[in-house]
Amino acid sequence: MEKEYTLTVATAESFRLDKYISMQVDDLSRAYIQKLIEDNKIQVNGKSVKSHTKVNEGDYIHICIPAPEVLEVKAEVIPLDIVYEDEYLLVVNKPQGMVVHPAQGNYTGTLVNALMTHCEGKLSAINGVIRPGIVHRIDKDTSGLLLVAKDNQVHIGLAEQIKAHTLTRKYIAIVHGHIKNDKGTINMPIGRHSGDRKKMAATHKNSKEAVTHFTVLERLENFTYVECVLETGRTHQIRVHMSEIGHPIVGDPVYGPKKNHFHLKGQALHAKVVGFFHPIFDKNMAFEAPPPPYFVKLRDQLCKK
């Protein structure tokens, strides 16, 4: 069933529409409000508007919250490596090669298909039918930790932490070449590649801020073992950033060398740590997943050279 809100702006100060609504309606995140505006589910004085539209005293705001769609993703019995679980959320260690949610060409065998069985359909509906429960994603061929929400309000709370850069996501990677500095920050906006819509690129055109912090863990022969901490979470962020500074991730078929010297099934990138503030339990939590066998084998192989 749809929910509707009607607000009358009662302040003499002018505010952006999305900000004003987030201040007045506690259970709607600003990101979700922006999506509703894009979908013409929010109007001001009976007219469709933009998120940045300024509202003033006396303006009428009408908000329509669509009814949650019935989840139609097929539930499948697929083993999962559950690192932590409670009645509100879970932390899953995704294997390399598993797609996170159904999409064109991958309608079965995904993490979501497995979660539908494991959680008996109890997953947040914030991200719609195709991505129930998915708070953030990692690429098919990246292994490691993912947060999954069972509850809408918890999902919103976790999404707000990502937006505020307070949710910790640490990755480990093996990259080509020797990185000279022991630590560094890569601050390059990321957007769609102008010549290939399946790729991302460091660009100032139609892009979003992207910041990655890296620390060298070990220098191997012609390679470097690094830890990368995400400040933002853009598509392919670490892969693009490392390639842009001349150190693409080993095994990356898109942003690295065309020849796969080590016959890997994907990039040597692993989401090792996720840390967050539990919206219900009101406490900080952090979890770690050791590197998988493919990663350990590669590092050992490079250490022997």
Protein backbone atom coordinates (compact mmCIF):
# COMPACT_ATOMS: atom_id res chain seq x y z
CA MET A 1 0.00 0.00 0.00
CA GLU A 2 1.30 3.44 -0.93
CA LYS A 3 2.09 5.97 1.78
CA GLU A 4 1.52 9.67 1.31
CA TYR A 5 2.84 12.70 3.17
CA THR A 6 1.84 16.33 2.83
CA LEU A 7 4.17 18.93 4.29
CA THR A 8 3.76 22.67 4.54
CA VAL A 9 7.04 24.55 4.75
CA ALA A 10 6.89 26.48 8.02
CA THR A 11 10.29 28.17 8.14
CA ALA A 12 11.34 31.54 6.84
CA GLU A 13 14.71 30.05 5.82
CA SER A 14 15.07 28.66 2.30
CA PHE A 15 16.20 25.01 2.01
CA ARG A 16 16.98 22.51 -0.73
CA LEU A 17 13.96 20.28 -1.20
CA ASP A 18 15.76 16.99 -0.43
CA LYS A 19 17.38 18.43 2.69
CA TYR A 20 14.13 19.90 4.00
CA ILE A 21 12.25 16.60 3.62
CA SER A 22 15.07 14.64 5.32
CA MET A 23 14.82 17.07 8.25
CA GLN A 24 11.06 16.59 8.53
CA VAL A 25 10.59 12.86 7.81
CA ASP A 26 12.87 10.71 9.96
CA ASP A 27 12.37 7.37 8.19
CA LEU A 28 13.44 8.57 4.73
CA SER A 29 17.13 8.80 3.83
CA ARG A 30 18.25 11.72 1.68
CA ALA A 31 19.40 9.29 -1.03
CA TYR A 32 15.95 7.67 -1.12
CA ILE A 33 14.29 11.09 -1.18
CA GLN A 34 16.39 12.04 -4.22
CA LYS A 35 15.29 8.84 -5.97
CA LEU A 36 11.63 9.63 -5.25
CA ILE A 37 12.13 13.11 -6.70
CA GLU A 38 13.72 11.63 -9.85
CA ASP A 39 10.73 9.29 -10.19
CA ASN A 40 8.29 12.25 -9.87
CA LYS A 41 6.94 10.88 -6.60
CA ILE A 42 7.51 14.22 -4.87
CA GLN A 43 5.92 17.48 -6.00
CA VAL A 44 6.04 21.04 -4.74
CA ASN A 45 2.88 23.11 -5.15
CA GLY A 46 1.61 20.47 -7.57
CA LYS A 47 4.64 20.57 -9.86
CA SER A 48 7.52 18.14 -10.53
CA VAL A 49 10.84 19.52 -9.29
CA LYS A 50 14.55 18.72 -8.83
CA SER A 51 16.37 17.74 -5.64
CA HIS A 52 18.16 21.09 -5.55
CA THR A 53 14.91 23.08 -5.87
CA LYS A 54 14.64 25.60 -3.03
CA VAL A 55 11.47 25.51 -0.93
CA ASN A 56 10.19 28.50 0.98
CA GLU A 57 7.67 29.28 3.68
CA GLY A 58 4.15 28.33 2.62
CA ASP A 59 5.14 25.83 -0.07
CA TYR A 60 3.19 22.55 -0.15
CA ILE A 61 5.17 19.34 -0.58
CA HIS A 62 3.39 16.14 -1.56
CA ILE A 63 5.29 12.86 -1.10
CA CYS A 64 4.14 9.49 -2.43
CA ILE A 65 6.02 6.41 -1.16
CA PRO A 66 5.37 3.45 -3.51
CA ALA A 67 4.27 0.19 -1.94
CA PRO A 68 7.12 -2.31 -1.63
CA GLU A 69 7.28 -4.55 -4.68
CA VAL A 70 6.73 -8.24 -4.13
CA LEU A 71 10.07 -9.98 -4.34
CA GLU A 72 10.06 -12.26 -7.37
CA VAL A 73 13.70 -13.29 -7.45
CA LYS A 74 13.96 -17.07 -7.43
CA ALA A 75 15.18 -18.48 -4.13
CA GLU A 76 17.98 -21.04 -4.57
CA VAL A 77 19.82 -23.35 -2.22
CA ILE A 78 23.41 -22.11 -2.52
CA PRO A 79 25.96 -22.43 0.32
CA LEU A 80 26.92 -19.13 1.95
CA ASP A 81 29.84 -18.17 4.16
CA ILE A 82 28.04 -16.20 6.88
CA VAL A 83 30.51 -14.29 9.05
CA TYR A 84 27.85 -12.68 11.28
CA GLU A 85 24.07 -12.67 11.49
CA ASP A 86 21.31 -11.29 13.70
CA GLU A 87 17.61 -10.58 13.13
CA TYR A 88 18.36 -7.26 11.39
CA LEU A 89 21.40 -7.84 9.19
CA LEU A 90 24.15 -10.21 8.17
CA VAL A 91 27.74 -10.08 6.92
CA VAL A 92 28.55 -12.45 4.06
CA ASN A 93 31.95 -13.48 2.72
CA LYS A 94 31.28 -13.63 -1.05
CA PRO A 95 33.48 -15.94 -3.13
CA GLN A 96 35.24 -14.77 -6.26
CA GLY A 97 33.08 -15.51 -9.30
CA MET A 98 29.68 -15.00 -7.65
CA VAL A 99 27.48 -12.17 -8.98
CA VAL A 100 25.85 -10.11 -6.22
CA HIS A 101 22.36 -9.68 -7.69
CA PRO A 102 20.42 -10.80 -10.79
CA ALA A 103 20.98 -8.81 -13.97
CA GLN A 104 21.00 -9.41 -17.70
CA GLY A 105 22.83 -12.68 -18.32
CA ASN A 106 22.89 -13.63 -14.62
CA TYR A 107 19.39 -14.35 -13.34
CA THR A 108 20.32 -17.33 -11.18
CA GLY A 109 23.21 -18.40 -9.00
CA THR A 110 23.68 -14.94 -7.49
CA LEU A 111 24.19 -13.94 -3.88
CA VAL A 112 20.63 -12.59 -3.79
CA ASN A 113 19.22 -15.93 -5.00
CA ALA A 114 21.07 -17.60 -2.12
CA LEU A 115 19.97 -14.96 0.40
CA MET A 116 16.32 -15.42 -0.56
CA THR A 117 16.54 -19.00 0.68
CA HIS A 118 18.78 -18.34 3.69
CA CYS A 119 16.71 -15.40 4.97
CA GLU A 120 13.37 -16.92 3.89
CA GLY A 121 12.58 -13.76 1.92
CA LYS A 122 13.10 -11.45 4.91
CA LEU A 123 15.26 -8.81 3.24
CA SER A 124 14.98 -5.04 3.00
CA ALA A 125 13.07 -3.72 -0.03
CA ILE A 126 14.83 -0.33 -0.26
CA ASN A 127 16.74 -1.29 -3.42
CA GLY A 128 13.79 -2.92 -5.15
CA VAL A 129 12.96 -6.41 -6.36
CA ILE A 130 16.30 -7.23 -7.98
CA ARG A 131 18.55 -6.14 -5.10
CA PRO A 132 16.70 -7.01 -1.88
CA GLY A 133 18.89 -6.51 1.18
CA ILE A 134 21.94 -5.34 -0.75
CA VAL A 135 23.47 -2.35 1.06
CA HIS A 136 26.63 -2.14 -1.07
CA ARG A 137 28.12 -4.26 -3.84
CA ILE A 138 31.43 -5.74 -4.91
CA ASP A 139 32.30 -6.95 -8.39
CA LYS A 140 31.68 -10.53 -9.49
CA ASP A 141 35.39 -11.37 -9.47
CA THR A 142 36.19 -9.54 -6.23
CA SER A 143 35.90 -11.70 -3.13
CA GLY A 144 35.10 -10.63 0.40
CA LEU A 145 32.70 -9.06 2.86
CA LEU A 146 29.29 -7.60 2.09
CA LEU A 147 26.64 -6.13 4.38
CA VAL A 148 23.07 -7.34 3.88
CA ALA A 149 20.03 -5.75 5.55
CA LYS A 150 16.91 -7.66 6.52
CA ASP A 151 15.05 -4.56 7.66
CA ASN A 152 14.27 -1.34 5.76
CA GLN A 153 15.11 0.99 8.63
CA VAL A 154 18.43 -0.77 9.24
CA HIS A 155 19.21 -0.55 5.52
CA ILE A 156 18.59 3.20 5.59
CA GLY A 157 20.83 3.57 8.65
CA LEU A 158 23.69 1.68 7.00
CA ALA A 159 23.29 3.58 3.72
CA GLU A 160 23.54 6.86 5.63
CA GLN A 161 26.85 5.67 7.13
CA ILE A 162 28.20 4.98 3.65
CA LYS A 163 27.12 8.44 2.54
CA ALA A 164 28.76 10.02 5.61
CA HIS A 165 31.99 8.01 5.01
CA THR A 166 31.74 6.42 8.49
CA LEU A 167 31.31 2.82 7.31
CA THR A 168 34.71 1.13 7.06
CA ARG A 169 35.62 -0.92 3.98
CA LYS A 170 39.18 -2.22 3.71
CA TYR A 171 40.45 -4.20 0.75
CA ILE A 172 43.70 -5.98 -0.02
CA ALA A 173 45.09 -6.21 -3.54
CA ILE A 174 48.19 -7.25 -5.45
CA VAL A 175 49.11 -4.72 -8.12
CA HIS A 176 51.63 -4.48 -10.92
CA GLY A 177 54.90 -2.63 -10.29
CA HIS A 178 56.42 -1.08 -7.19
CA ILE A 179 54.48 1.73 -5.54
CA LYS A 180 57.12 4.21 -4.36
CA ASN A 181 55.27 5.81 -1.46
CA ASP A 182 54.37 3.73 1.59
CA LYS A 183 51.01 5.51 1.86
CA GLY A 184 48.91 7.74 -0.33
CA THR A 185 45.49 9.03 -1.28
CA ILE A 186 44.01 8.86 -4.77
CA ASN A 187 41.42 11.58 -5.28
CA MET A 188 40.03 11.27 -8.82
CA PRO A 189 36.34 11.57 -9.78
CA ILE A 190 34.92 8.53 -11.56
CA GLY A 191 32.29 8.34 -14.30
CA ARG A 192 31.35 6.20 -17.28
CA HIS A 193 34.05 5.70 -19.88
CA SER A 194 33.26 7.84 -22.93
CA GLY A 195 34.07 5.06 -25.39
CA ASP A 196 32.86 1.98 -23.51
CA ARG A 197 29.71 2.15 -21.37
CA LYS A 198 30.68 -1.06 -19.54
CA LYS A 199 33.84 0.58 -18.20
CA MET A 200 34.44 3.34 -15.70
CA ALA A 201 37.13 6.01 -15.95
CA ALA A 202 38.75 8.81 -13.98
CA THR A 203 37.08 11.83 -15.51
CA HIS A 204 35.62 15.21 -14.58
CA LYS A 205 32.73 14.80 -17.03
CA ASN A 206 29.47 13.43 -15.60
CA SER A 207 31.38 11.95 -12.68
CA LYS A 208 31.24 11.67 -8.91
CA GLU A 209 33.88 12.24 -6.24
CA ALA A 210 36.00 9.16 -5.60
CA VAL A 211 38.67 8.85 -2.88
CA THR A 212 40.83 5.81 -2.11
CA HIS A 213 43.50 5.63 0.59
CA PHE A 214 46.26 3.03 0.15
CA THR A 215 49.02 1.58 2.31
CA VAL A 216 51.83 -0.64 1.02
CA LEU A 217 51.90 -3.91 2.97
CA GLU A 218 54.73 -5.59 1.10
CA ARG A 219 56.84 -5.04 -2.00
CA LEU A 220 57.26 -8.18 -4.06
CA GLU A 221 59.36 -8.67 -7.18
CA ASN A 222 57.76 -6.33 -9.76
CA PHE A 223 54.53 -6.27 -7.75
CA THR A 224 53.12 -4.61 -4.62
CA TYR A 225 50.77 -5.99 -1.97
CA VAL A 226 48.55 -3.13 -0.79
CA GLU A 227 45.65 -2.31 1.50
CA CYS A 228 43.04 0.06 0.10
CA VAL A 229 40.46 1.89 2.22
CA LEU A 230 37.40 3.33 0.50
CA GLU A 231 36.27 6.79 1.49
CA THR A 232 33.67 6.72 -1.28
CA GLY A 233 32.23 3.70 -3.06
CA ARG A 234 32.03 4.18 -6.82
CA THR A 235 31.72 1.33 -9.32
CA HIS A 236 35.13 -0.29 -9.94
CA GLN A 237 36.71 2.44 -7.78
CA ILE A 238 39.86 0.66 -6.57
CA ARG A 239 40.41 -0.99 -9.96
CA VAL A 240 40.17 2.34 -11.80
CA HIS A 241 42.24 4.29 -9.28
CA MET A 242 45.09 1.79 -9.13
CA SER A 243 45.19 1.61 -12.93
CA GLU A 244 45.22 5.40 -13.20
CA ILE A 245 48.35 5.69 -11.04
CA GLY A 246 50.10 3.06 -13.16
CA HIS A 247 49.59 0.06 -10.87
CA PRO A 248 46.64 -1.98 -12.16
CA ILE A 249 45.47 -4.95 -10.12
CA VAL A 250 46.90 -8.31 -11.14
CA GLY A 251 44.38 -10.37 -13.10
CA ASP A 252 42.10 -7.41 -13.89
CA PRO A 253 40.80 -8.13 -17.41
CA VAL A 254 39.36 -4.64 -17.89
CA TYR A 255 41.83 -2.15 -16.40
CA GLY A 256 45.00 -4.24 -16.38
CA PRO A 257 47.28 -5.86 -18.98
CA LYS A 258 45.49 -7.97 -21.59
CA LYS A 259 47.70 -10.97 -20.92
CA ASN A 260 46.81 -12.86 -17.75
CA HIS A 261 50.23 -14.13 -16.64
CA PHE A 262 48.92 -16.05 -13.63
CA HIS A 263 45.75 -17.52 -15.20
CA LEU A 264 43.53 -15.91 -12.54
CA LYS A 265 39.75 -15.94 -12.87
CA GLY A 266 39.60 -12.25 -12.00
CA GLN A 267 41.38 -9.40 -10.24
CA ALA A 268 43.41 -10.09 -7.09
CA LEU A 269 41.16 -7.91 -4.93
CA HIS A 270 39.56 -8.96 -1.65
CA ALA A 271 37.20 -7.04 0.66
CA LYS A 272 38.91 -7.96 3.92
CA VAL A 273 37.24 -5.74 6.56
CA VAL A 274 33.84 -4.15 7.03
CA GLY A 275 33.06 -1.99 10.06
CA PHE A 276 29.86 -0.16 10.94
CA PHE A 277 27.64 1.18 13.72
CA HIS A 278 24.74 -1.18 14.30
CA PRO A 279 21.57 0.96 13.93
CA ILE A 280 19.57 -1.18 16.38
CA PHE A 281 22.16 -2.38 18.89
CA ASP A 282 23.85 1.06 19.06
CA LYS A 283 27.39 -0.28 19.00
CA ASN A 284 30.35 -0.36 16.66
CA MET A 285 31.00 -3.70 14.96
CA ALA A 286 33.81 -4.86 12.66
CA PHE A 287 34.45 -8.13 10.85
CA GLU A 288 37.39 -9.53 8.91
CA ALA A 289 37.68 -12.26 6.28
CA PRO A 290 41.13 -13.72 5.57
CA PRO A 291 42.28 -13.74 1.95
CA PRO A 292 40.94 -16.72 -0.03
CA PRO A 293 43.16 -19.51 -1.37
CA TYR A 294 43.61 -17.96 -4.84
CA PHE A 295 44.97 -14.78 -3.25
CA VAL A 296 47.29 -16.56 -0.83
CA LYS A 297 48.64 -18.79 -3.61
CA LEU A 298 49.42 -15.77 -5.81
CA ARG A 299 51.19 -13.89 -3.02
CA ASP A 300 53.25 -16.98 -2.10
CA GLN A 301 54.14 -17.47 -5.75
CA LEU A 302 55.35 -13.87 -6.07
CA CYS A 303 57.30 -14.08 -2.79
CA LYS A 304 59.35 -16.97 -4.17
CA LYS A 305 60.46 -15.03 -7.23
